[in-house]
Amino acid sequence: RKAMPQSGNSQADLYYEIPEEGGVTRIMAVFQDVTDVGKIGSIRS
């Protein structure tokens, strides 16, 4: 929550969201092409 909003995520084609430790989640955003997307993040582990 404290990291939102993300940037560049609207240009992704596919999203996977899965839990991690401590109850948090992470999103893997998949881009077939990142041309002209610009700023992407914030990026984590």
PDB file of all heavy atoms in Angstrom:
ATOM      1  N   ARG A   1       0.827  -1.211   0.000  1.00  0.00           N
ATOM      2  CA  ARG A   1       0.000   0.000   0.000  1.00  0.00           C
ATOM      3  C   ARG A   1       0.862   1.263   0.000  1.00  0.00           C
ATOM      4  O   ARG A   1       0.581   2.223  -0.731  1.00  0.00           O
ATOM      5  CB  ARG A   1      -0.923   0.010   1.229  1.00  0.00           C
ATOM      6  CG  ARG A   1      -1.841   1.240   1.273  1.00  0.00           C
ATOM      7  CD  ARG A   1      -2.710   1.239   2.514  1.00  0.00           C
ATOM      8  NE  ARG A   1      -1.964   1.471   3.722  1.00  0.00           N
ATOM      9  CZ  ARG A   1      -1.656   2.691   4.204  1.00  0.00           C
ATOM     10  NH1 ARG A   1      -2.034   3.775   3.540  1.00  0.00           N
ATOM     11  NH2 ARG A   1      -0.984   2.826   5.326  1.00  0.00           N
ATOM     12  N   LYS A   2       1.914   1.265   0.806  1.00  0.00           N
ATOM     13  CA  LYS A   2       2.738   2.464   0.936  1.00  0.00           C
ATOM     14  C   LYS A   2       3.587   2.730  -0.298  1.00  0.00           C
ATOM     15  O   LYS A   2       4.227   3.787  -0.393  1.00  0.00           O
ATOM     16  CB  LYS A   2       3.620   2.354   2.169  1.00  0.00           C
ATOM     17  CG  LYS A   2       2.834   2.374   3.474  1.00  0.00           C
ATOM     18  CD  LYS A   2       3.746   2.363   4.679  1.00  0.00           C
ATOM     19  CE  LYS A   2       2.952   2.449   5.978  1.00  0.00           C
ATOM     20  NZ  LYS A   2       3.826   2.456   7.172  1.00  0.00           N
ATOM     21  N   ALA A   3       3.594   1.785  -1.246  1.00  0.00           N
ATOM     22  CA  ALA A   3       4.374   1.962  -2.475  1.00  0.00           C
ATOM     23  C   ALA A   3       3.522   2.367  -3.658  1.00  0.00           C
ATOM     24  O   ALA A   3       4.041   2.735  -4.706  1.00  0.00           O
ATOM     25  CB  ALA A   3       5.107   0.673  -2.814  1.00  0.00           C
ATOM     26  N   MET A   4       2.208   2.311  -3.504  1.00  0.00           N
ATOM     27  CA  MET A   4       1.329   2.585  -4.638  1.00  0.00           C
ATOM     28  C   MET A   4       1.225   4.095  -4.884  1.00  0.00           C
ATOM     29  O   MET A   4       1.437   4.883  -3.975  1.00  0.00           O
ATOM     30  CB  MET A   4      -0.053   1.991  -4.377  1.00  0.00           C
ATOM     31  CG  MET A   4      -0.021   0.494  -4.135  1.00  0.00           C
ATOM     32  SD  MET A   4       0.653  -0.471  -5.505  1.00  0.00           S
ATOM     33  CE  MET A   4      -0.862  -0.814  -6.404  1.00  0.00           C
ATOM     34  N   PRO A   5       0.864   4.542  -6.105  1.00  0.00           N
ATOM     35  CA  PRO A   5       0.566   3.726  -7.281  1.00  0.00           C
ATOM     36  C   PRO A   5       1.815   3.302  -8.039  1.00  0.00           C
ATOM     37  O   PRO A   5       2.898   3.847  -7.844  1.00  0.00           O
ATOM     38  CB  PRO A   5      -0.303   4.654  -8.128  1.00  0.00           C
ATOM     39  CG  PRO A   5       0.214   6.018  -7.797  1.00  0.00           C
ATOM     40  CD  PRO A   5       0.591   5.971  -6.343  1.00  0.00           C
ATOM     41  N   GLN A   6       1.642   2.315  -8.913  1.00  0.00           N
ATOM     42  CA  GLN A   6       2.708   1.878  -9.792  1.00  0.00           C
ATOM     43  C   GLN A   6       2.745   2.760 -11.043  1.00  0.00           C
ATOM     44  O   GLN A   6       1.813   3.509 -11.316  1.00  0.00           O
ATOM     45  CB  GLN A   6       2.489   0.414 -10.206  1.00  0.00           C
ATOM     46  CG  GLN A   6       2.469  -0.557  -9.042  1.00  0.00           C
ATOM     47  CD  GLN A   6       1.949  -1.922  -9.429  1.00  0.00           C
ATOM     48  OE1 GLN A   6       1.497  -2.143 -10.555  1.00  0.00           O
ATOM     49  NE2 GLN A   6       2.008  -2.870  -8.498  1.00  0.00           N
ATOM     50  N   SER A   7       3.834   2.640 -11.806  1.00  0.00           N
ATOM     51  CA  SER A   7       3.966   3.386 -13.062  1.00  0.00           C
ATOM     52  C   SER A   7       4.220   2.427 -14.214  1.00  0.00           C
ATOM     53  O   SER A   7       4.960   1.454 -14.070  1.00  0.00           O
ATOM     54  CB  SER A   7       5.125   4.385 -12.988  1.00  0.00           C
ATOM     55  OG  SER A   7       4.820   5.454 -12.120  1.00  0.00           O
ATOM     56  N   GLY A   8       3.603   2.718 -15.354  1.00  0.00           N
ATOM     57  CA  GLY A   8       3.783   1.903 -16.541  1.00  0.00           C
ATOM     58  C   GLY A   8       2.942   0.654 -16.560  1.00  0.00           C
ATOM     59  O   GLY A   8       2.877  -0.048 -17.582  1.00  0.00           O
ATOM     60  N   ASN A   9       2.262   0.360 -15.462  1.00  0.00           N
ATOM     61  CA  ASN A   9       1.498  -0.879 -15.352  1.00  0.00           C
ATOM     62  C   ASN A   9       0.308  -0.942 -16.305  1.00  0.00           C
ATOM     63  O   ASN A   9      -0.150  -2.030 -16.669  1.00  0.00           O
ATOM     64  CB  ASN A   9       1.035  -1.114 -13.907  1.00  0.00           C
ATOM     65  CG  ASN A   9       0.364   0.092 -13.291  1.00  0.00           C
ATOM     66  OD1 ASN A   9       0.683   1.231 -13.632  1.00  0.00           O
ATOM     67  ND2 ASN A   9      -0.550  -0.128 -12.372  1.00  0.00           N
ATOM     68  N   SER A  10      -0.195   0.212 -16.731  1.00  0.00           N
ATOM     69  CA  SER A  10      -1.345   0.200 -17.641  1.00  0.00           C
ATOM     70  C   SER A  10      -0.978  -0.348 -19.017  1.00  0.00           C
ATOM     71  O   SER A  10      -1.851  -0.736 -19.791  1.00  0.00           O
ATOM     72  CB  SER A  10      -1.922   1.607 -17.793  1.00  0.00           C
ATOM     73  OG  SER A  10      -0.983   2.473 -18.416  1.00  0.00           O
ATOM     74  N   GLN A  11       0.329  -0.397 -19.336  1.00  0.00           N
ATOM     75  CA  GLN A  11       0.772  -0.878 -20.632  1.00  0.00           C
ATOM     76  C   GLN A  11       1.074  -2.376 -20.639  1.00  0.00           C
ATOM     77  O   GLN A  11       1.402  -2.935 -21.692  1.00  0.00           O
ATOM     78  CB  GLN A  11       2.021  -0.109 -21.079  1.00  0.00           C
ATOM     79  CG  GLN A  11       1.816   1.397 -21.177  1.00  0.00           C
ATOM     80  CD  GLN A  11       0.673   1.764 -22.098  1.00  0.00           C
ATOM     81  OE1 GLN A  11       0.656   1.360 -23.253  1.00  0.00           O
ATOM     82  NE2 GLN A  11      -0.283   2.524 -21.592  1.00  0.00           N
ATOM     83  N   ALA A  12       0.964  -3.027 -19.495  1.00  0.00           N
ATOM     84  CA  ALA A  12       1.215  -4.470 -19.437  1.00  0.00           C
ATOM     85  C   ALA A  12       0.076  -5.223 -20.118  1.00  0.00           C
ATOM     86  O   ALA A  12      -1.054  -4.733 -20.228  1.00  0.00           O
ATOM     87  CB  ALA A  12       1.357  -4.920 -17.990  1.00  0.00           C
ATOM     88  N   ASP A  13       0.370  -6.431 -20.565  1.00  0.00           N
ATOM     89  CA  ASP A  13      -0.613  -7.272 -21.252  1.00  0.00           C
ATOM     90  C   ASP A  13      -1.183  -8.355 -20.348  1.00  0.00           C
ATOM     91  O   ASP A  13      -2.291  -8.842 -20.578  1.00  0.00           O
ATOM     92  CB  ASP A  13       0.033  -7.942 -22.462  1.00  0.00           C
ATOM     93  CG  ASP A  13       0.577  -6.946 -23.461  1.00  0.00           C
ATOM     94  OD1 ASP A  13      -0.197  -6.075 -23.906  1.00  0.00           O
ATOM     95  OD2 ASP A  13       1.773  -7.020 -23.796  1.00  0.00           O
ATOM     96  N   LEU A  14      -0.417  -8.740 -19.346  1.00  0.00           N
ATOM     97  CA  LEU A  14      -0.765  -9.874 -18.494  1.00  0.00           C
ATOM     98  C   LEU A  14      -0.249  -9.596 -17.091  1.00  0.00           C
ATOM     99  O   LEU A  14       0.861  -9.072 -16.926  1.00  0.00           O
ATOM    100  CB  LEU A  14      -0.121 -11.145 -19.072  1.00  0.00           C
ATOM    101  CG  LEU A  14      -0.186 -12.440 -18.276  1.00  0.00           C
ATOM    102  CD1 LEU A  14      -1.617 -12.918 -18.125  1.00  0.00           C
ATOM    103  CD2 LEU A  14       0.660 -13.520 -18.967  1.00  0.00           C
ATOM    104  N   TYR A  15      -1.048  -9.941 -16.087  1.00  0.00           N
ATOM    105  CA  TYR A  15      -0.678  -9.697 -14.697  1.00  0.00           C
ATOM    106  C   TYR A  15      -0.822 -10.996 -13.904  1.00  0.00           C
ATOM    107  O   TYR A  15      -1.843 -11.680 -14.000  1.00  0.00           O
ATOM    108  CB  TYR A  15      -1.571  -8.642 -14.055  1.00  0.00           C
ATOM    109  CG  TYR A  15      -1.687  -7.345 -14.822  1.00  0.00           C
ATOM    110  CD1 TYR A  15      -2.568  -7.222 -15.898  1.00  0.00           C
ATOM    111  CD2 TYR A  15      -0.937  -6.225 -14.467  1.00  0.00           C
ATOM    112  CE1 TYR A  15      -2.689  -6.042 -16.601  1.00  0.00           C
ATOM    113  CE2 TYR A  15      -1.050  -5.029 -15.166  1.00  0.00           C
ATOM    114  CZ  TYR A  15      -1.928  -4.949 -16.238  1.00  0.00           C
ATOM    115  OH  TYR A  15      -2.057  -3.771 -16.932  1.00  0.00           O
ATOM    116  N   TYR A  16       0.194 -11.313 -13.093  1.00  0.00           N
ATOM    117  CA  TYR A  16       0.097 -12.385 -12.115  1.00  0.00           C
ATOM    118  C   TYR A  16       0.250 -11.761 -10.733  1.00  0.00           C
ATOM    119  O   TYR A  16       1.228 -11.042 -10.479  1.00  0.00           O
ATOM    120  CB  TYR A  16       1.221 -13.399 -12.282  1.00  0.00           C
ATOM    121  CG  TYR A  16       1.168 -14.269 -13.506  1.00  0.00           C
ATOM    122  CD1 TYR A  16       1.854 -13.905 -14.666  1.00  0.00           C
ATOM    123  CD2 TYR A  16       0.470 -15.471 -13.510  1.00  0.00           C
ATOM    124  CE1 TYR A  16       1.839 -14.712 -15.789  1.00  0.00           C
ATOM    125  CE2 TYR A  16       0.445 -16.285 -14.635  1.00  0.00           C
ATOM    126  CZ  TYR A  16       1.132 -15.901 -15.768  1.00  0.00           C
ATOM    127  OH  TYR A  16       1.123 -16.706 -16.888  1.00  0.00           O
ATOM    128  N   GLU A  17      -0.679 -12.054  -9.826  1.00  0.00           N
ATOM    129  CA  GLU A  17      -0.521 -11.608  -8.447  1.00  0.00           C
ATOM    130  C   GLU A  17      -0.565 -12.835  -7.539  1.00  0.00           C
ATOM    131  O   GLU A  17      -1.468 -13.667  -7.643  1.00  0.00           O
ATOM    132  CB  GLU A  17      -1.599 -10.609  -8.045  1.00  0.00           C
ATOM    133  CG  GLU A  17      -1.364 -10.049  -6.643  1.00  0.00           C
ATOM    134  CD  GLU A  17      -2.184  -8.814  -6.317  1.00  0.00           C
ATOM    135  OE1 GLU A  17      -3.070  -8.444  -7.130  1.00  0.00           O
ATOM    136  OE2 GLU A  17      -1.956  -8.214  -5.245  1.00  0.00           O
ATOM    137  N   ILE A  18       0.425 -12.924  -6.626  1.00  0.00           N
ATOM    138  CA  ILE A  18       0.588 -14.091  -5.764  1.00  0.00           C
ATOM    139  C   ILE A  18       1.024 -13.613  -4.381  1.00  0.00           C
ATOM    140  O   ILE A  18       1.789 -12.652  -4.256  1.00  0.00           O
ATOM    141  CB  ILE A  18       1.648 -15.063  -6.315  1.00  0.00           C
ATOM    142  CG1 ILE A  18       1.434 -15.321  -7.820  1.00  0.00           C
ATOM    143  CG2 ILE A  18       1.631 -16.384  -5.556  1.00  0.00           C
ATOM    144  CD1 ILE A  18       2.485 -16.225  -8.433  1.00  0.00           C
ATOM    145  N   PRO A  19       0.582 -14.287  -3.316  1.00  0.00           N
ATOM    146  CA  PRO A  19       1.028 -13.905  -1.969  1.00  0.00           C
ATOM    147  C   PRO A  19       2.519 -14.158  -1.764  1.00  0.00           C
ATOM    148  O   PRO A  19       3.117 -15.040  -2.395  1.00  0.00           O
ATOM    149  CB  PRO A  19       0.206 -14.814  -1.043  1.00  0.00           C
ATOM    150  CG  PRO A  19      -0.921 -15.324  -1.861  1.00  0.00           C
ATOM    151  CD  PRO A  19      -0.410 -15.371  -3.273  1.00  0.00           C
ATOM    152  N   GLU A  20       3.081 -13.382  -0.859  1.00  0.00           N
ATOM    153  CA  GLU A  20       4.427 -13.618  -0.355  1.00  0.00           C
ATOM    154  C   GLU A  20       4.356 -13.713   1.158  1.00  0.00           C
ATOM    155  O   GLU A  20       3.283 -13.663   1.752  1.00  0.00           O
ATOM    156  CB  GLU A  20       5.379 -12.510  -0.797  1.00  0.00           C
ATOM    157  CG  GLU A  20       5.641 -12.508  -2.290  1.00  0.00           C
ATOM    158  CD  GLU A  20       6.792 -11.605  -2.698  1.00  0.00           C
ATOM    159  OE1 GLU A  20       7.301 -10.865  -1.825  1.00  0.00           O
ATOM    160  OE2 GLU A  20       7.180 -11.630  -3.875  1.00  0.00           O
ATOM    161  N   GLU A  21       5.512 -13.827   1.787  1.00  0.00           N
ATOM    162  CA  GLU A  21       5.552 -13.943   3.244  1.00  0.00           C
ATOM    163  C   GLU A  21       4.973 -12.703   3.914  1.00  0.00           C
ATOM    164  O   GLU A  21       5.006 -11.604   3.365  1.00  0.00           O
ATOM    165  CB  GLU A  21       6.988 -14.177   3.727  1.00  0.00           C
ATOM    166  CG  GLU A  21       7.974 -13.090   3.368  1.00  0.00           C
ATOM    167  CD  GLU A  21       8.615 -13.281   2.004  1.00  0.00           C
ATOM    168  OE1 GLU A  21       8.124 -14.082   1.196  1.00  0.00           O
ATOM    169  OE2 GLU A  21       9.618 -12.595   1.756  1.00  0.00           O
ATOM    170  N   GLY A  22       4.408 -12.903   5.099  1.00  0.00           N
ATOM    171  CA  GLY A  22       3.862 -11.779   5.850  1.00  0.00           C
ATOM    172  C   GLY A  22       2.508 -11.314   5.364  1.00  0.00           C
ATOM    173  O   GLY A  22       2.013 -10.291   5.825  1.00  0.00           O
ATOM    174  N   GLY A  23       1.904 -12.030   4.399  1.00  0.00           N
ATOM    175  CA  GLY A  23       0.583 -11.646   3.907  1.00  0.00           C
ATOM    176  C   GLY A  23       0.590 -10.661   2.769  1.00  0.00           C
ATOM    177  O   GLY A  23      -0.458 -10.366   2.202  1.00  0.00           O
ATOM    178  N   VAL A  24       1.775 -10.129   2.413  1.00  0.00           N
ATOM    179  CA  VAL A  24       1.837  -9.190   1.296  1.00  0.00           C
ATOM    180  C   VAL A  24       1.745  -9.962  -0.010  1.00  0.00           C
ATOM    181  O   VAL A  24       1.832 -11.191  -0.048  1.00  0.00           O
ATOM    182  CB  VAL A  24       3.134  -8.352   1.338  1.00  0.00           C
ATOM    183  CG1 VAL A  24       3.257  -7.625   2.651  1.00  0.00           C
ATOM    184  CG2 VAL A  24       4.359  -9.227   1.089  1.00  0.00           C
ATOM    185  N   THR A  25       1.548  -9.246  -1.097  1.00  0.00           N
ATOM    186  CA  THR A  25       1.553  -9.863  -2.423  1.00  0.00           C
ATOM    187  C   THR A  25       2.569  -9.152  -3.297  1.00  0.00           C
ATOM    188  O   THR A  25       3.100  -8.094  -2.930  1.00  0.00           O
ATOM    189  CB  THR A  25       0.176  -9.777  -3.105  1.00  0.00           C
ATOM    190  OG1 THR A  25      -0.107  -8.409  -3.425  1.00  0.00           O
ATOM    191  CG2 THR A  25      -0.918 -10.352  -2.223  1.00  0.00           C
ATOM    192  N   ARG A  26       2.821  -9.735  -4.441  1.00  0.00           N
ATOM    193  CA  ARG A  26       3.616  -9.063  -5.461  1.00  0.00           C
ATOM    194  C   ARG A  26       2.948  -9.304  -6.798  1.00  0.00           C
ATOM    195  O   ARG A  26       2.296 -10.336  -7.009  1.00  0.00           O
ATOM    196  CB  ARG A  26       5.046  -9.605  -5.480  1.00  0.00           C
ATOM    197  CG  ARG A  26       5.972  -8.749  -6.336  1.00  0.00           C
ATOM    198  CD  ARG A  26       7.250  -8.432  -5.621  1.00  0.00           C
ATOM    199  NE  ARG A  26       6.992  -7.709  -4.382  1.00  0.00           N
ATOM    200  CZ  ARG A  26       7.882  -7.582  -3.402  1.00  0.00           C
ATOM    201  NH1 ARG A  26       9.074  -8.153  -3.517  1.00  0.00           N
ATOM    202  NH2 ARG A  26       7.608  -6.900  -2.323  1.00  0.00           N
ATOM    203  N   ILE A  27       3.093  -8.358  -7.714  1.00  0.00           N
ATOM    204  CA  ILE A  27       2.512  -8.463  -9.048  1.00  0.00           C
ATOM    205  C   ILE A  27       3.640  -8.585 -10.067  1.00  0.00           C
ATOM    206  O   ILE A  27       4.585  -7.779 -10.064  1.00  0.00           O
ATOM    207  CB  ILE A  27       1.649  -7.236  -9.380  1.00  0.00           C
ATOM    208  CG1 ILE A  27       0.454  -7.159  -8.417  1.00  0.00           C
ATOM    209  CG2 ILE A  27       1.167  -7.282 -10.828  1.00  0.00           C
ATOM    210  CD1 ILE A  27      -0.326  -5.866  -8.514  1.00  0.00           C
ATOM    211  N   MET A  28       3.551  -9.594 -10.917  1.00  0.00           N
ATOM    212  CA  MET A  28       4.459  -9.690 -12.047  1.00  0.00           C
ATOM    213  C   MET A  28       3.686  -9.226 -13.279  1.00  0.00           C
ATOM    214  O   MET A  28       2.750  -9.890 -13.730  1.00  0.00           O
ATOM    215  CB  MET A  28       4.970 -11.122 -12.240  1.00  0.00           C
ATOM    216  CG  MET A  28       6.056 -11.221 -13.323  1.00  0.00           C
ATOM    217  SD  MET A  28       6.836 -12.869 -13.416  1.00  0.00           S
ATOM    218  CE  MET A  28       5.554 -13.757 -14.339  1.00  0.00           C
ATOM    219  N   ALA A  29       4.044  -8.046 -13.786  1.00  0.00           N
ATOM    220  CA  ALA A  29       3.392  -7.474 -14.958  1.00  0.00           C
ATOM    221  C   ALA A  29       4.203  -7.852 -16.187  1.00  0.00           C
ATOM    222  O   ALA A  29       5.412  -7.639 -16.234  1.00  0.00           O
ATOM    223  CB  ALA A  29       3.302  -5.955 -14.822  1.00  0.00           C
ATOM    224  N   VAL A  30       3.525  -8.419 -17.185  1.00  0.00           N
ATOM    225  CA  VAL A  30       4.216  -8.935 -18.368  1.00  0.00           C
ATOM    226  C   VAL A  30       3.885  -8.056 -19.569  1.00  0.00           C
ATOM    227  O   VAL A  30       2.710  -7.835 -19.889  1.00  0.00           O
ATOM    228  CB  VAL A  30       3.812 -10.397 -18.644  1.00  0.00           C
ATOM    229  CG1 VAL A  30       4.657 -10.963 -19.781  1.00  0.00           C
ATOM    230  CG2 VAL A  30       3.972 -11.251 -17.387  1.00  0.00           C
ATOM    231  N   PHE A  31       4.942  -7.573 -20.240  1.00  0.00           N
ATOM    232  CA  PHE A  31       4.821  -6.688 -21.397  1.00  0.00           C
ATOM    233  C   PHE A  31       5.353  -7.418 -22.629  1.00  0.00           C
ATOM    234  O   PHE A  31       6.530  -7.783 -22.664  1.00  0.00           O
ATOM    235  CB  PHE A  31       5.647  -5.416 -21.209  1.00  0.00           C
ATOM    236  CG  PHE A  31       5.310  -4.589 -20.001  1.00  0.00           C
ATOM    237  CD1 PHE A  31       5.705  -4.977 -18.726  1.00  0.00           C
ATOM    238  CD2 PHE A  31       4.621  -3.389 -20.146  1.00  0.00           C
ATOM    239  CE1 PHE A  31       5.416  -4.198 -17.610  1.00  0.00           C
ATOM    240  CE2 PHE A  31       4.334  -2.593 -19.037  1.00  0.00           C
ATOM    241  CZ  PHE A  31       4.727  -3.008 -17.767  1.00  0.00           C
ATOM    242  N   GLN A  32       4.525  -7.610 -23.638  1.00  0.00           N
ATOM    243  CA  GLN A  32       5.037  -8.181 -24.872  1.00  0.00           C
ATOM    244  C   GLN A  32       5.988  -7.210 -25.552  1.00  0.00           C
ATOM    245  O   GLN A  32       6.949  -7.628 -26.200  1.00  0.00           O
ATOM    246  CB  GLN A  32       3.879  -8.529 -25.819  1.00  0.00           C
ATOM    247  CG  GLN A  32       4.304  -9.222 -27.096  1.00  0.00           C
ATOM    248  CD  GLN A  32       4.973 -10.561 -26.846  1.00  0.00           C
ATOM    249  OE1 GLN A  32       4.591 -11.284 -25.933  1.00  0.00           O
ATOM    250  NE2 GLN A  32       5.984 -10.896 -27.649  1.00  0.00           N
ATOM    251  N   ASP A  33       5.749  -5.906 -25.367  1.00  0.00           N
ATOM    252  CA  ASP A  33       6.595  -4.876 -25.965  1.00  0.00           C
ATOM    253  C   ASP A  33       6.614  -3.685 -25.010  1.00  0.00           C
ATOM    254  O   ASP A  33       5.556  -3.209 -24.591  1.00  0.00           O
ATOM    255  CB  ASP A  33       6.025  -4.465 -27.326  1.00  0.00           C
ATOM    256  CG  ASP A  33       6.859  -3.415 -28.032  1.00  0.00           C
ATOM    257  OD1 ASP A  33       8.048  -3.268 -27.686  1.00  0.00           O
ATOM    258  OD2 ASP A  33       6.330  -2.740 -28.934  1.00  0.00           O
ATOM    259  N   VAL A  34       7.806  -3.216 -24.621  1.00  0.00           N
ATOM    260  CA  VAL A  34       7.892  -2.079 -23.699  1.00  0.00           C
ATOM    261  C   VAL A  34       8.195  -0.773 -24.416  1.00  0.00           C
ATOM    262  O   VAL A  34       8.424   0.254 -23.761  1.00  0.00           O
ATOM    263  CB  VAL A  34       8.954  -2.318 -22.592  1.00  0.00           C
ATOM    264  CG1 VAL A  34       8.557  -3.472 -21.700  1.00  0.00           C
ATOM    265  CG2 VAL A  34      10.342  -2.529 -23.194  1.00  0.00           C
ATOM    266  N   THR A  35       8.183  -0.784 -25.745  1.00  0.00           N
ATOM    267  CA  THR A  35       8.473   0.428 -26.497  1.00  0.00           C
ATOM    268  C   THR A  35       7.550   1.570 -26.079  1.00  0.00           C
ATOM    269  O   THR A  35       6.334   1.416 -26.043  1.00  0.00           O
ATOM    270  CB  THR A  35       8.309   0.174 -28.004  1.00  0.00           C
ATOM    271  OG1 THR A  35       9.171  -0.901 -28.402  1.00  0.00           O
ATOM    272  CG2 THR A  35       8.641   1.419 -28.810  1.00  0.00           C
ATOM    273  N   ASP A  36       8.154   2.694 -25.720  1.00  0.00           N
ATOM    274  CA  ASP A  36       7.444   3.928 -25.355  1.00  0.00           C
ATOM    275  C   ASP A  36       6.618   3.819 -24.064  1.00  0.00           C
ATOM    276  O   ASP A  36       5.791   4.698 -23.793  1.00  0.00           O
ATOM    277  CB  ASP A  36       6.514   4.381 -26.495  1.00  0.00           C
ATOM    278  CG  ASP A  36       7.281   4.750 -27.755  1.00  0.00           C
ATOM    279  OD1 ASP A  36       8.424   5.224 -27.624  1.00  0.00           O
ATOM    280  OD2 ASP A  36       6.734   4.550 -28.860  1.00  0.00           O
ATOM    281  N   VAL A  37       6.831   2.781 -23.271  1.00  0.00           N
ATOM    282  CA  VAL A  37       6.120   2.703 -21.984  1.00  0.00           C
ATOM    283  C   VAL A  37       6.611   3.799 -21.048  1.00  0.00           C
ATOM    284  O   VAL A  37       5.843   4.404 -20.308  1.00  0.00           O
ATOM    285  CB  VAL A  37       6.296   1.311 -21.330  1.00  0.00           C
ATOM    286  CG1 VAL A  37       5.715   1.310 -19.917  1.00  0.00           C
ATOM    287  CG2 VAL A  37       5.617   0.249 -22.172  1.00  0.00           C
ATOM    288  N   GLY A  38       7.912   4.068 -21.059  1.00  0.00           N
ATOM    289  CA  GLY A  38       8.466   5.112 -20.199  1.00  0.00           C
ATOM    290  C   GLY A  38       8.846   4.574 -18.836  1.00  0.00           C
ATOM    291  O   GLY A  38       9.480   3.515 -18.712  1.00  0.00           O
ATOM    292  N   LYS A  39       8.442   5.267 -17.805  1.00  0.00           N
ATOM    293  CA  LYS A  39       8.807   4.937 -16.426  1.00  0.00           C
ATOM    294  C   LYS A  39       8.070   3.684 -15.965  1.00  0.00           C
ATOM    295  O   LYS A  39       6.846   3.600 -16.047  1.00  0.00           O
ATOM    296  CB  LYS A  39       8.463   6.131 -15.534  1.00  0.00           C
ATOM    297  CG  LYS A  39       8.783   5.963 -14.064  1.00  0.00           C
ATOM    298  CD  LYS A  39       8.371   7.228 -13.317  1.00  0.00           C
ATOM    299  CE  LYS A  39       8.617   7.114 -11.831  1.00  0.00           C
ATOM    300  NZ  LYS A  39       8.162   8.344 -11.105  1.00  0.00           N
ATOM    301  N   ILE A  40       8.825   2.705 -15.439  1.00  0.00           N
ATOM    302  CA  ILE A  40       8.233   1.447 -14.970  1.00  0.00           C
ATOM    303  C   ILE A  40       8.682   1.183 -13.540  1.00  0.00           C
ATOM    304  O   ILE A  40       9.871   1.191 -13.232  1.00  0.00           O
ATOM    305  CB  ILE A  40       8.643   0.266 -15.865  1.00  0.00           C
ATOM    306  CG1 ILE A  40       8.224   0.509 -17.317  1.00  0.00           C
ATOM    307  CG2 ILE A  40       8.036  -1.033 -15.349  1.00  0.00           C
ATOM    308  CD1 ILE A  40       8.690  -0.578 -18.277  1.00  0.00           C
ATOM    309  N   GLY A  41       7.730   0.936 -12.651  1.00  0.00           N
ATOM    310  CA  GLY A  41       8.077   0.635 -11.261  1.00  0.00           C
ATOM    311  C   GLY A  41       6.928   0.955 -10.326  1.00  0.00           C
ATOM    312  O   GLY A  41       5.813   1.237 -10.771  1.00  0.00           O
ATOM    313  N   SER A  42       7.168   0.973  -9.025  1.00  0.00           N
ATOM    314  CA  SER A  42       8.458   0.640  -8.456  1.00  0.00           C
ATOM    315  C   SER A  42       8.699  -0.862  -8.510  1.00  0.00           C
ATOM    316  O   SER A  42       7.758  -1.648  -8.493  1.00  0.00           O
ATOM    317  CB  SER A  42       8.572   1.151  -7.016  1.00  0.00           C
ATOM    318  OG  SER A  42       7.589   0.573  -6.168  1.00  0.00           O
ATOM    319  N   ILE A  43       9.980  -1.218  -8.589  1.00  0.00           N
ATOM    320  CA  ILE A  43      10.388  -2.595  -8.849  1.00  0.00           C
ATOM    321  C   ILE A  43      10.918  -3.218  -7.568  1.00  0.00           C
ATOM    322  O   ILE A  43      11.648  -2.583  -6.809  1.00  0.00           O
ATOM    323  CB  ILE A  43      11.447  -2.626  -9.962  1.00  0.00           C
ATOM    324  CG1 ILE A  43      10.835  -2.080 -11.263  1.00  0.00           C
ATOM    325  CG2 ILE A  43      12.011  -4.025 -10.163  1.00  0.00           C
ATOM    326  CD1 ILE A  43      11.827  -1.841 -12.368  1.00  0.00           C
ATOM    327  N   ARG A  44      10.520  -4.472  -7.345  1.00  0.00           N
ATOM    328  CA  ARG A  44      10.944  -5.157  -6.127  1.00  0.00           C
ATOM    329  C   ARG A  44      11.507  -6.538  -6.443  1.00  0.00           C
ATOM    330  O   ARG A  44      11.739  -6.894  -7.587  1.00  0.00           O
ATOM    331  CB  ARG A  44       9.759  -5.257  -5.155  1.00  0.00           C
ATOM    332  CG  ARG A  44       9.342  -3.921  -4.552  1.00  0.00           C
ATOM    333  CD  ARG A  44      10.449  -3.272  -3.742  1.00  0.00           C
ATOM    334  NE  ARG A  44      10.855  -4.082  -2.604  1.00  0.00           N
ATOM    335  CZ  ARG A  44      10.278  -4.050  -1.406  1.00  0.00           C
ATOM    336  NH1 ARG A  44       9.251  -3.248  -1.189  1.00  0.00           N
ATOM    337  NH2 ARG A  44      10.724  -4.798  -0.427  1.00  0.00           N
ATOM    338  N   SER A  45      11.649  -7.321  -5.412  1.00  0.00           N
ATOM    339  CA  SER A  45      12.330  -8.611  -5.504  1.00  0.00           C
ATOM    340  C   SER A  45      11.426  -9.701  -6.055  1.00  0.00           C
ATOM    341  O   SER A  45      10.218  -9.523  -6.212  1.00  0.00           O
ATOM    342  CB  SER A  45      12.830  -9.011  -4.120  1.00  0.00           C
ATOM    343  OG  SER A  45      11.725  -9.185  -3.248  1.00  0.00           O
TER     344      SER A  45
END
